[in-house]
Protein backbone atom coordinates (compact mmCIF):
# COMPACT_ATOMS: atom_id res chain seq x y z
CA MET A 1 77.26 147.01 107.50
CA THR A 2 78.55 144.03 104.97
CA GLU A 3 79.14 140.33 106.05
CA SER A 4 82.68 139.85 105.50
CA THR A 5 82.98 136.71 103.06
CA PRO A 6 84.42 133.27 104.79
CA GLU A 7 87.46 132.24 103.69
CA LEU A 8 87.53 128.88 101.72
CA PRO A 9 89.83 126.34 102.75
CA VAL A 10 92.30 125.90 100.47
CA TYR A 11 93.56 122.05 99.78
CA PRO A 12 96.79 121.33 97.95
CA ASP A 13 96.00 119.20 94.92
CA GLU A 14 100.04 119.30 94.07
CA VAL A 15 102.45 116.39 94.27
CA PRO A 16 105.38 117.88 97.51
CA THR A 17 108.13 119.24 96.47
CA LEU A 18 111.41 117.39 95.73
CA ASP A 19 113.27 119.37 98.86
CA SER A 20 109.89 118.45 101.00
CA ILE A 21 110.23 114.14 100.28
CA ARG A 22 114.02 114.58 100.69
CA THR A 23 113.45 115.67 104.06
CA ASN A 24 110.28 114.09 105.13
CA TRP A 25 109.75 110.33 104.64
CA LEU A 26 105.59 110.61 105.12
CA ASP A 27 105.57 112.99 102.06
CA LEU A 28 107.98 110.96 100.29
CA PHE A 29 105.54 108.20 101.13
CA TYR A 30 102.26 110.11 99.96
CA ALA A 31 103.66 111.48 96.81
CA ALA A 32 104.97 107.82 95.65
CA MET A 33 101.99 106.11 96.30
CA PHE A 34 99.46 108.57 94.96
CA HIS A 35 101.85 110.62 92.19
CA PRO A 36 104.33 108.34 91.42
CA VAL A 37 104.60 108.88 87.94
CA ARG A 38 105.97 112.86 89.23
CA THR A 39 107.57 111.39 92.42
CA PHE A 40 109.72 109.15 90.62
CA LYS A 41 110.46 111.70 87.21
CA SER A 42 111.63 114.56 89.40
CA ILE A 43 113.62 111.81 92.15
CA ALA A 44 115.73 110.53 88.48
CA ALA A 45 115.92 113.78 87.06
CA GLU A 46 118.61 113.87 89.49
CA GLU A 47 122.42 112.72 88.16
CA GLN A 48 122.77 111.45 91.39
CA PRO A 49 120.14 111.57 94.28
CA GLY A 50 121.43 112.14 97.78
CA ASN A 51 121.86 109.38 100.44
CA ARG A 52 118.47 110.47 102.84
CA LEU A 53 116.43 109.35 99.45
CA LEU A 54 118.44 106.11 99.60
CA PHE A 55 118.10 105.89 103.05
CA TYR A 56 113.84 106.35 103.10
CA ALA A 57 114.02 103.79 100.27
CA LEU A 58 116.23 101.35 102.33
CA LEU A 59 113.54 102.29 105.21
CA SER A 60 110.51 101.33 102.76
CA VAL A 61 111.67 97.99 102.34
CA LEU A 62 112.36 97.61 105.88
CA LEU A 63 109.56 98.31 106.52
CA VAL A 64 107.50 96.10 103.88
CA SER A 65 109.67 93.39 104.91
CA VAL A 66 109.07 93.49 108.57
CA THR A 67 105.49 93.58 107.74
CA ALA A 68 105.76 90.04 105.75
CA PRO A 69 106.24 87.44 109.26
CA MET A 70 102.98 89.82 110.70
CA VAL A 71 100.75 89.06 107.49
CA HIS A 72 101.93 85.54 107.66
CA ILE A 73 100.46 85.06 111.04
CA ALA A 74 97.98 86.95 110.94
CA ASN A 75 96.80 84.31 107.58
CA VAL A 76 97.77 81.13 108.56
CA GLY A 77 98.36 81.54 112.71
CA GLY A 78 101.41 80.95 114.46
CA SER A 79 103.34 82.68 118.41
CA LEU A 80 103.90 86.00 118.21
CA SER A 81 106.85 84.96 120.07
CA GLY A 82 108.24 83.77 116.86
CA LEU A 83 108.47 87.51 115.68
CA VAL A 84 111.60 87.82 117.50
CA VAL A 85 113.57 85.85 115.29
CA SER A 86 111.30 85.86 111.84
CA MET A 87 110.98 89.81 111.68
CA PRO A 88 115.38 90.44 111.77
CA PHE A 89 115.18 87.56 109.09
CA SER A 90 112.70 88.96 107.35
CA ALA A 91 114.45 92.20 107.14
CA MET A 92 117.91 90.91 106.18
CA VAL A 93 116.73 89.13 103.25
CA GLY A 94 114.56 91.80 102.12
CA LEU A 95 117.58 93.99 102.09
CA LEU A 96 119.55 91.07 100.51
CA VAL A 97 116.81 90.51 97.83
CA TRP A 98 116.03 94.14 96.69
CA GLY A 99 119.68 94.76 96.30
CA PHE A 100 120.62 91.59 94.19
CA MET A 101 117.64 92.39 92.12
CA ALA A 102 118.45 96.10 91.65
CA LEU A 103 121.91 95.05 90.46
CA VAL A 104 120.46 92.64 87.72
CA ILE A 105 118.24 94.69 87.02
CA SER A 106 121.10 97.60 85.90
CA LEU A 107 123.10 95.46 84.63
CA LEU A 108 120.47 94.38 82.32
CA ALA A 109 119.09 98.10 81.69
CA TYR A 110 122.96 98.66 80.90
CA ALA A 111 122.38 96.60 78.08
CA PHE A 112 119.83 98.47 76.74
CA SER A 113 120.45 102.02 77.81
CA GLY A 114 124.34 102.38 78.48
CA GLU A 115 123.67 103.90 81.74
CA ALA A 116 123.76 102.12 85.12
CA ARG A 117 122.47 103.93 87.83
CA ILE A 118 122.13 101.62 90.51
CA ARG A 119 121.73 104.52 93.06
CA THR A 120 118.85 105.95 91.54
CA PHE A 121 116.64 102.63 91.06
CA LEU A 122 117.43 101.50 94.13
CA ILE A 123 115.73 104.18 95.33
CA LEU A 124 112.92 103.60 92.85
CA SER A 125 112.78 100.13 93.67
CA GLY A 126 112.67 100.98 97.37
CA LEU A 127 109.55 103.05 96.82
CA ALA A 128 107.83 100.50 94.42
CA THR A 129 107.47 97.95 97.25
CA LEU A 130 105.87 100.57 99.68
CA PRO A 131 101.77 99.43 98.60
CA TRP A 132 102.66 95.90 100.45
CA ILE A 133 102.61 97.98 103.68
CA PHE A 134 98.52 97.77 103.28
CA MET A 135 99.06 94.13 103.15
CA GLY A 136 99.03 94.14 107.28
CA PRO A 137 95.42 96.12 107.34
CA ILE A 138 94.03 93.72 104.51
CA SER A 139 94.70 90.89 106.43
CA LEU A 140 92.70 91.37 109.18
CA PHE A 141 89.56 91.26 107.07
CA LYS A 142 90.00 87.24 107.46
CA ILE A 143 89.44 87.80 110.94
CA GLY A 144 85.59 87.70 112.13
CA ILE A 145 84.03 87.90 108.31
CA GLY A 146 83.74 84.55 106.80
CA VAL A 147 83.94 83.45 103.18
CA THR A 148 83.30 87.63 102.38
CA GLY A 149 86.67 88.35 104.00
CA VAL A 150 88.90 85.66 102.72
CA VAL A 151 88.02 86.35 99.19
CA LEU A 152 87.70 90.56 99.95
CA CYS A 153 91.47 89.84 101.12
CA ALA A 154 92.75 87.90 97.76
CA LEU A 155 91.16 90.83 95.69
CA LEU A 156 92.46 93.30 97.08
CA GLY A 157 96.30 91.08 97.62
CA LEU A 158 95.55 90.99 94.42
CA ILE A 159 95.01 94.61 93.45
CA ILE A 160 98.36 95.35 95.30
CA TRP A 161 100.48 92.89 94.13
CA LEU A 162 99.22 94.36 90.47
CA TRP A 163 99.95 98.09 91.94
CA THR A 164 103.59 97.07 92.84
CA ILE A 165 104.56 95.57 89.41
CA VAL A 166 103.09 99.01 87.83
CA LEU A 167 105.38 100.99 90.03
CA PHE A 168 108.39 98.46 89.74
CA ALA A 169 108.08 98.83 85.89
CA LEU A 170 107.86 102.87 86.28
CA ALA A 171 111.03 102.98 88.32
CA ILE A 172 112.89 100.77 85.40
CA MET A 173 111.07 103.51 83.22
CA THR A 174 112.13 106.32 84.61
CA THR A 175 115.65 105.58 85.62
CA TYR A 176 116.62 104.36 82.22
CA ARG A 177 113.81 106.23 80.09
CA MET A 178 113.01 103.27 78.14
CA SER A 179 110.10 102.69 76.19
CA ALA A 180 107.64 100.49 77.85
CA GLU A 181 108.67 97.41 75.49
CA ARG A 182 111.98 97.55 76.70
CA VAL A 183 111.22 97.26 79.91
CA LEU A 184 108.99 94.48 79.34
CA ILE A 185 112.12 92.61 77.69
CA VAL A 186 114.44 93.71 80.85
CA LEU A 187 111.08 92.40 83.39
CA ALA A 188 111.02 88.81 81.06
CA THR A 189 114.83 88.72 80.45
CA PRO A 190 115.84 87.55 84.73
CA PHE A 191 112.57 84.22 83.65
CA ALA A 192 113.94 83.40 80.72
CA MET A 193 117.82 83.56 81.78
CA MET A 194 116.27 81.13 84.65
CA MET A 195 114.97 78.76 82.00
CA VAL A 196 118.13 78.35 80.39
CA PHE A 197 120.31 78.02 83.39
CA ILE A 198 118.26 75.26 84.49
CA GLY A 199 118.01 73.65 80.36
CA TRP A 200 122.03 73.54 81.22
CA ILE A 201 122.16 71.82 84.25
CA VAL A 202 119.73 69.32 83.08
CA GLY A 203 121.58 68.80 80.06
CA PHE A 204 125.33 68.83 81.93
CA VAL A 205 124.01 66.18 84.93
CA ARG A 206 122.28 63.87 81.83
CA ASN A 207 125.44 63.93 80.13
CA ILE A 208 127.12 62.93 83.23
CA ILE A 209 124.76 60.43 84.00
CA HIS A 210 125.53 59.10 80.05
CA LEU A 211 129.52 58.70 80.61
CA THR A 212 129.27 57.04 83.59
CA PRO A 213 129.14 52.92 83.49
């Protein structure tokens, strides 16, 4: 009698398919976090991504936005009852910032690529915020660990910030098929425009002051 060889478990090593991430937010979360290049390219390859993916991106932004007040309380203290007001307000502000940011970046990218593709960029930029979800658990390191916990929390927070920046740049690159150099220009342009706008305002105010008796 020969003994049968036990079957070894098979572990998937590929990113979930686009059909899978369309119907399952958890699959989309995993794919965007750990296989962002393939996932973003798969979504950007579609001419008009569906409403479900747009809803999942909106859900991602909402989750990150409502996490922010809880992280603030964990960091600086405060009353939990205040979350009743701060969480809806944070969610509203998060959605407004997301939409306005996507509009500005889409207009700037249009100048380089001739494509607006705001729906695609809304989806990918929404997914780019997902690493901030980990800020909640990370803030717990400050509790009961002392200085070591504060340092660890700061380092992990920096990693999450850089992770988000990389995903955001990847969202621009895959949506508009831009080179890394053009992505850097698009990211820097709003700050340059802000400095120019501030300069205009300061110059205008100074001229008005000079004209007054």
